[in-house]
Amino acid sequence: MSDETLRLLSMAERAATQRLDDALRSAGADLDQWRVLSLLADRGGCPMNVVAEHALMLAPKCSKLVDRMVSANLVLRRPDEHDRRRVLIFASARGRAALARWDAAVAGVRDRFTEIVGSDVAVLDELLRRLATGMERSPEPDPAAG
């Protein structure tokens, strides 16, 4: 992969994040809240470590976000039925309603991305998934090893 490819990947990520954030802010939300509720609406109850990983956040920051979302009645904490020591996070009815509004705000951004990429959108999804998965699995190269 060339330096230019890495730069272009960074540019695309920044532009996508900014457009999503702008759309969500206009709907009274932010990107982190949207990621959390999207996960919970899709999968149901999840432990905090799964929520943090999906939202691309460190656990302490995610915990504070979830605290604020609990206060706003967007998510609920419940004990895990199979392991009472674990706590699962669920989307509340109010959270699902908010997510529907937020998804509507994001729809225009998603449509624009699809318009730009065209029929290659499935290929792009697969390439990015493969890249993300591969980067998670492979260790960082050791600069001292030569």
C-alpha atoms as a PDB file:
ATOM      1  CA  MET A   1       0.000   0.000   0.000  1.00  0.00           C
ATOM      2  CA  SER A   2       1.452   3.359  -0.964  1.00  0.00           C
ATOM      3  CA  ASP A   3       1.743   6.465   1.190  1.00  0.00           C
ATOM      4  CA  GLU A   4      -0.828   8.088  -1.096  1.00  0.00           C
ATOM      5  CA  THR A   5      -3.298   5.251  -0.471  1.00  0.00           C
ATOM      6  CA  LEU A   6      -2.874   5.725   3.276  1.00  0.00           C
ATOM      7  CA  ARG A   7      -3.385   9.482   2.898  1.00  0.00           C
ATOM      8  CA  LEU A   8      -6.513   8.966   0.782  1.00  0.00           C
ATOM      9  CA  LEU A   9      -7.904   6.481   3.309  1.00  0.00           C
ATOM     10  CA  SER A  10      -7.376   9.040   6.074  1.00  0.00           C
ATOM     11  CA  MET A  11      -8.989  11.798   4.006  1.00  0.00           C
ATOM     12  CA  ALA A  12     -12.030   9.636   3.252  1.00  0.00           C
ATOM     13  CA  GLU A  13     -12.421   8.668   6.918  1.00  0.00           C
ATOM     14  CA  ARG A  14     -12.231  12.291   8.055  1.00  0.00           C
ATOM     15  CA  ALA A  15     -14.720  13.468   5.446  1.00  0.00           C
ATOM     16  CA  ALA A  16     -17.145  10.639   6.227  1.00  0.00           C
ATOM     17  CA  THR A  17     -16.913  11.226   9.968  1.00  0.00           C
ATOM     18  CA  GLN A  18     -17.442  14.966   9.565  1.00  0.00           C
ATOM     19  CA  ARG A  19     -20.498  14.523   7.338  1.00  0.00           C
ATOM     20  CA  LEU A  20     -22.036  11.962   9.665  1.00  0.00           C
ATOM     21  CA  ASP A  21     -21.319  14.129  12.702  1.00  0.00           C
ATOM     22  CA  ASP A  22     -22.865  17.199  11.042  1.00  0.00           C
ATOM     23  CA  ALA A  23     -26.004  15.269  10.103  1.00  0.00           C
ATOM     24  CA  LEU A  24     -26.344  13.791  13.582  1.00  0.00           C
ATOM     25  CA  ARG A  25     -25.764  17.106  15.352  1.00  0.00           C
ATOM     26  CA  SER A  26     -28.594  18.601  13.303  1.00  0.00           C
ATOM     27  CA  ALA A  27     -30.779  15.825  14.775  1.00  0.00           C
ATOM     28  CA  GLY A  28     -29.578  16.445  18.344  1.00  0.00           C
ATOM     29  CA  ALA A  29     -27.125  13.560  18.589  1.00  0.00           C
ATOM     30  CA  ASP A  30     -23.496  12.731  18.024  1.00  0.00           C
ATOM     31  CA  LEU A  31     -21.651   9.952  16.253  1.00  0.00           C
ATOM     32  CA  ASP A  32     -20.848   8.008  19.429  1.00  0.00           C
ATOM     33  CA  GLN A  33     -24.475   7.958  20.592  1.00  0.00           C
ATOM     34  CA  TRP A  34     -25.606   6.826  17.149  1.00  0.00           C
ATOM     35  CA  ARG A  35     -23.045   4.014  17.059  1.00  0.00           C
ATOM     36  CA  VAL A  36     -24.085   2.800  20.523  1.00  0.00           C
ATOM     37  CA  LEU A  37     -27.808   2.819  19.788  1.00  0.00           C
ATOM     38  CA  SER A  38     -27.317   1.271  16.341  1.00  0.00           C
ATOM     39  CA  LEU A  39     -25.503  -1.660  17.916  1.00  0.00           C
ATOM     40  CA  LEU A  40     -28.047  -2.132  20.700  1.00  0.00           C
ATOM     41  CA  ALA A  41     -31.038  -1.898  18.351  1.00  0.00           C
ATOM     42  CA  ASP A  42     -29.418  -4.439  16.045  1.00  0.00           C
ATOM     43  CA  ARG A  43     -28.096  -6.971  18.576  1.00  0.00           C
ATOM     44  CA  GLY A  44     -30.097  -6.383  21.736  1.00  0.00           C
ATOM     45  CA  GLY A  45     -28.337  -6.319  25.096  1.00  0.00           C
ATOM     46  CA  CYS A  46     -24.555  -6.093  25.017  1.00  0.00           C
ATOM     47  CA  PRO A  47     -21.863  -5.900  27.691  1.00  0.00           C
ATOM     48  CA  MET A  48     -19.965  -2.628  27.995  1.00  0.00           C
ATOM     49  CA  ASN A  49     -16.771  -3.969  26.384  1.00  0.00           C
ATOM     50  CA  VAL A  50     -18.702  -4.890  23.218  1.00  0.00           C
ATOM     51  CA  VAL A  51     -20.399  -1.480  23.168  1.00  0.00           C
ATOM     52  CA  ALA A  52     -17.063   0.309  23.579  1.00  0.00           C
ATOM     53  CA  GLU A  53     -15.411  -1.731  20.829  1.00  0.00           C
ATOM     54  CA  HIS A  54     -18.282  -1.133  18.398  1.00  0.00           C
ATOM     55  CA  ALA A  55     -18.378   2.599  19.167  1.00  0.00           C
ATOM     56  CA  LEU A  56     -14.592   2.806  18.678  1.00  0.00           C
ATOM     57  CA  MET A  57     -14.149   4.205  22.188  1.00  0.00           C
ATOM     58  CA  LEU A  58     -11.992   3.474  25.191  1.00  0.00           C
ATOM     59  CA  ALA A  59     -13.977   1.816  27.983  1.00  0.00           C
ATOM     60  CA  PRO A  60     -13.895   4.762  30.461  1.00  0.00           C
ATOM     61  CA  LYS A  61     -15.140   7.244  27.849  1.00  0.00           C
ATOM     62  CA  CYS A  62     -17.809   4.814  26.687  1.00  0.00           C
ATOM     63  CA  SER A  63     -18.928   4.247  30.262  1.00  0.00           C
ATOM     64  CA  LYS A  64     -19.417   7.998  30.731  1.00  0.00           C
ATOM     65  CA  LEU A  65     -21.353   8.195  27.470  1.00  0.00           C
ATOM     66  CA  VAL A  66     -23.597   5.305  28.521  1.00  0.00           C
ATOM     67  CA  ASP A  67     -24.142   7.014  31.904  1.00  0.00           C
ATOM     68  CA  ARG A  68     -25.373  10.126  30.067  1.00  0.00           C
ATOM     69  CA  MET A  69     -27.531   8.004  27.778  1.00  0.00           C
ATOM     70  CA  VAL A  70     -29.059   6.228  30.795  1.00  0.00           C
ATOM     71  CA  SER A  71     -29.830   9.649  32.329  1.00  0.00           C
ATOM     72  CA  ALA A  72     -31.530  10.667  29.073  1.00  0.00           C
ATOM     73  CA  ASN A  73     -33.480   7.359  29.073  1.00  0.00           C
ATOM     74  CA  LEU A  74     -31.974   6.313  25.750  1.00  0.00           C
ATOM     75  CA  VAL A  75     -30.461   3.091  27.097  1.00  0.00           C
ATOM     76  CA  LEU A  76     -31.055   0.816  30.078  1.00  0.00           C
ATOM     77  CA  ARG A  77     -28.720  -1.294  32.181  1.00  0.00           C
ATOM     78  CA  ARG A  78     -29.940  -4.751  33.162  1.00  0.00           C
ATOM     79  CA  PRO A  79     -28.267  -7.737  34.817  1.00  0.00           C
ATOM     80  CA  ASP A  80     -27.362 -10.563  32.431  1.00  0.00           C
ATOM     81  CA  GLU A  81     -29.864 -13.406  32.901  1.00  0.00           C
ATOM     82  CA  HIS A  82     -27.083 -15.998  32.525  1.00  0.00           C
ATOM     83  CA  ASP A  83     -24.433 -14.285  34.662  1.00  0.00           C
ATOM     84  CA  ARG A  84     -25.808 -11.935  37.317  1.00  0.00           C
ATOM     85  CA  ARG A  85     -22.351 -10.398  37.792  1.00  0.00           C
ATOM     86  CA  ARG A  86     -22.471  -8.933  34.264  1.00  0.00           C
ATOM     87  CA  VAL A  87     -24.493  -5.928  33.239  1.00  0.00           C
ATOM     88  CA  LEU A  88     -25.928  -5.602  29.751  1.00  0.00           C
ATOM     89  CA  ILE A  89     -26.874  -2.381  27.996  1.00  0.00           C
ATOM     90  CA  PHE A  90     -30.162  -2.241  26.044  1.00  0.00           C
ATOM     91  CA  ALA A  91     -31.819   0.402  23.885  1.00  0.00           C
ATOM     92  CA  SER A  92     -34.908   1.827  25.575  1.00  0.00           C
ATOM     93  CA  ALA A  93     -38.136   2.633  23.710  1.00  0.00           C
ATOM     94  CA  ARG A  94     -37.101   6.281  23.782  1.00  0.00           C
ATOM     95  CA  GLY A  95     -33.666   5.303  22.454  1.00  0.00           C
ATOM     96  CA  ARG A  96     -35.229   3.370  19.563  1.00  0.00           C
ATOM     97  CA  ALA A  97     -37.373   6.387  18.679  1.00  0.00           C
ATOM     98  CA  ALA A  98     -34.301   8.640  18.807  1.00  0.00           C
ATOM     99  CA  LEU A  99     -32.377   6.182  16.632  1.00  0.00           C
ATOM    100  CA  ALA A 100     -35.126   6.309  13.996  1.00  0.00           C
ATOM    101  CA  ARG A 101     -34.750  10.109  13.859  1.00  0.00           C
ATOM    102  CA  TRP A 102     -30.969   9.859  13.772  1.00  0.00           C
ATOM    103  CA  ASP A 103     -31.048   7.218  11.032  1.00  0.00           C
ATOM    104  CA  ALA A 104     -33.261   9.533   8.970  1.00  0.00           C
ATOM    105  CA  ALA A 105     -30.679  12.307   9.430  1.00  0.00           C
ATOM    106  CA  VAL A 106     -27.893   9.965   8.323  1.00  0.00           C
ATOM    107  CA  ALA A 107     -29.804   8.634   5.297  1.00  0.00           C
ATOM    108  CA  GLY A 108     -28.775  11.561   3.111  1.00  0.00           C
ATOM    109  CA  VAL A 109     -25.114  11.045   3.955  1.00  0.00           C
ATOM    110  CA  ARG A 110     -25.400   7.313   3.278  1.00  0.00           C
ATOM    111  CA  ASP A 111     -27.114   8.020  -0.060  1.00  0.00           C
ATOM    112  CA  ARG A 112     -24.358  10.456  -1.011  1.00  0.00           C
ATOM    113  CA  PHE A 113     -21.655   7.888  -0.221  1.00  0.00           C
ATOM    114  CA  THR A 114     -23.482   5.314  -2.334  1.00  0.00           C
ATOM    115  CA  GLU A 115     -23.855   7.833  -5.154  1.00  0.00           C
ATOM    116  CA  ILE A 116     -20.112   8.573  -5.094  1.00  0.00           C
ATOM    117  CA  VAL A 117     -19.003   4.927  -4.941  1.00  0.00           C
ATOM    118  CA  GLY A 118     -21.724   3.644  -7.256  1.00  0.00           C
ATOM    119  CA  SER A 119     -22.063  -0.039  -7.984  1.00  0.00           C
ATOM    120  CA  ASP A 120     -18.754  -0.723  -6.191  1.00  0.00           C
ATOM    121  CA  VAL A 121     -20.278  -0.123  -2.749  1.00  0.00           C
ATOM    122  CA  ALA A 122     -20.380  -3.852  -1.895  1.00  0.00           C
ATOM    123  CA  VAL A 123     -16.768  -4.226  -3.013  1.00  0.00           C
ATOM    124  CA  LEU A 124     -15.753  -1.242  -0.874  1.00  0.00           C
ATOM    125  CA  ASP A 125     -17.586  -2.708   2.137  1.00  0.00           C
ATOM    126  CA  GLU A 126     -15.765  -6.012   1.713  1.00  0.00           C
ATOM    127  CA  LEU A 127     -12.351  -4.391   1.236  1.00  0.00           C
ATOM    128  CA  LEU A 128     -12.770  -2.195   4.302  1.00  0.00           C
ATOM    129  CA  ARG A 129     -14.022  -5.131   6.378  1.00  0.00           C
ATOM    130  CA  ARG A 130     -11.035  -7.210   5.276  1.00  0.00           C
ATOM    131  CA  LEU A 131      -8.637  -4.357   6.036  1.00  0.00           C
ATOM    132  CA  ALA A 132     -10.142  -3.687   9.479  1.00  0.00           C
ATOM    133  CA  THR A 133     -10.175  -7.379  10.394  1.00  0.00           C
ATOM    134  CA  GLY A 134      -6.637  -7.909   9.151  1.00  0.00           C
ATOM    135  CA  MET A 135      -5.332  -4.896  11.061  1.00  0.00           C
ATOM    136  CA  GLU A 136      -6.937  -6.169  14.277  1.00  0.00           C
ATOM    137  CA  ARG A 137      -5.365  -9.608  13.894  1.00  0.00           C
ATOM    138  CA  SER A 138      -1.847  -8.749  12.754  1.00  0.00           C
ATOM    139  CA  PRO A 139       0.660  -7.440  15.230  1.00  0.00           C
ATOM    140  CA  GLU A 140       2.286  -4.091  14.637  1.00  0.00           C
ATOM    141  CA  PRO A 141       5.626  -4.413  12.896  1.00  0.00           C
ATOM    142  CA  ASP A 142       8.559  -4.000  15.264  1.00  0.00           C
ATOM    143  CA  PRO A 143      10.590  -1.010  13.994  1.00  0.00           C
ATOM    144  CA  ALA A 144      13.672  -2.359  15.837  1.00  0.00           C
ATOM    145  CA  ALA A 145      13.508  -5.610  13.920  1.00  0.00           C
ATOM    146  CA  GLY A 146      15.261  -5.153  10.725  1.00  0.00           C
END
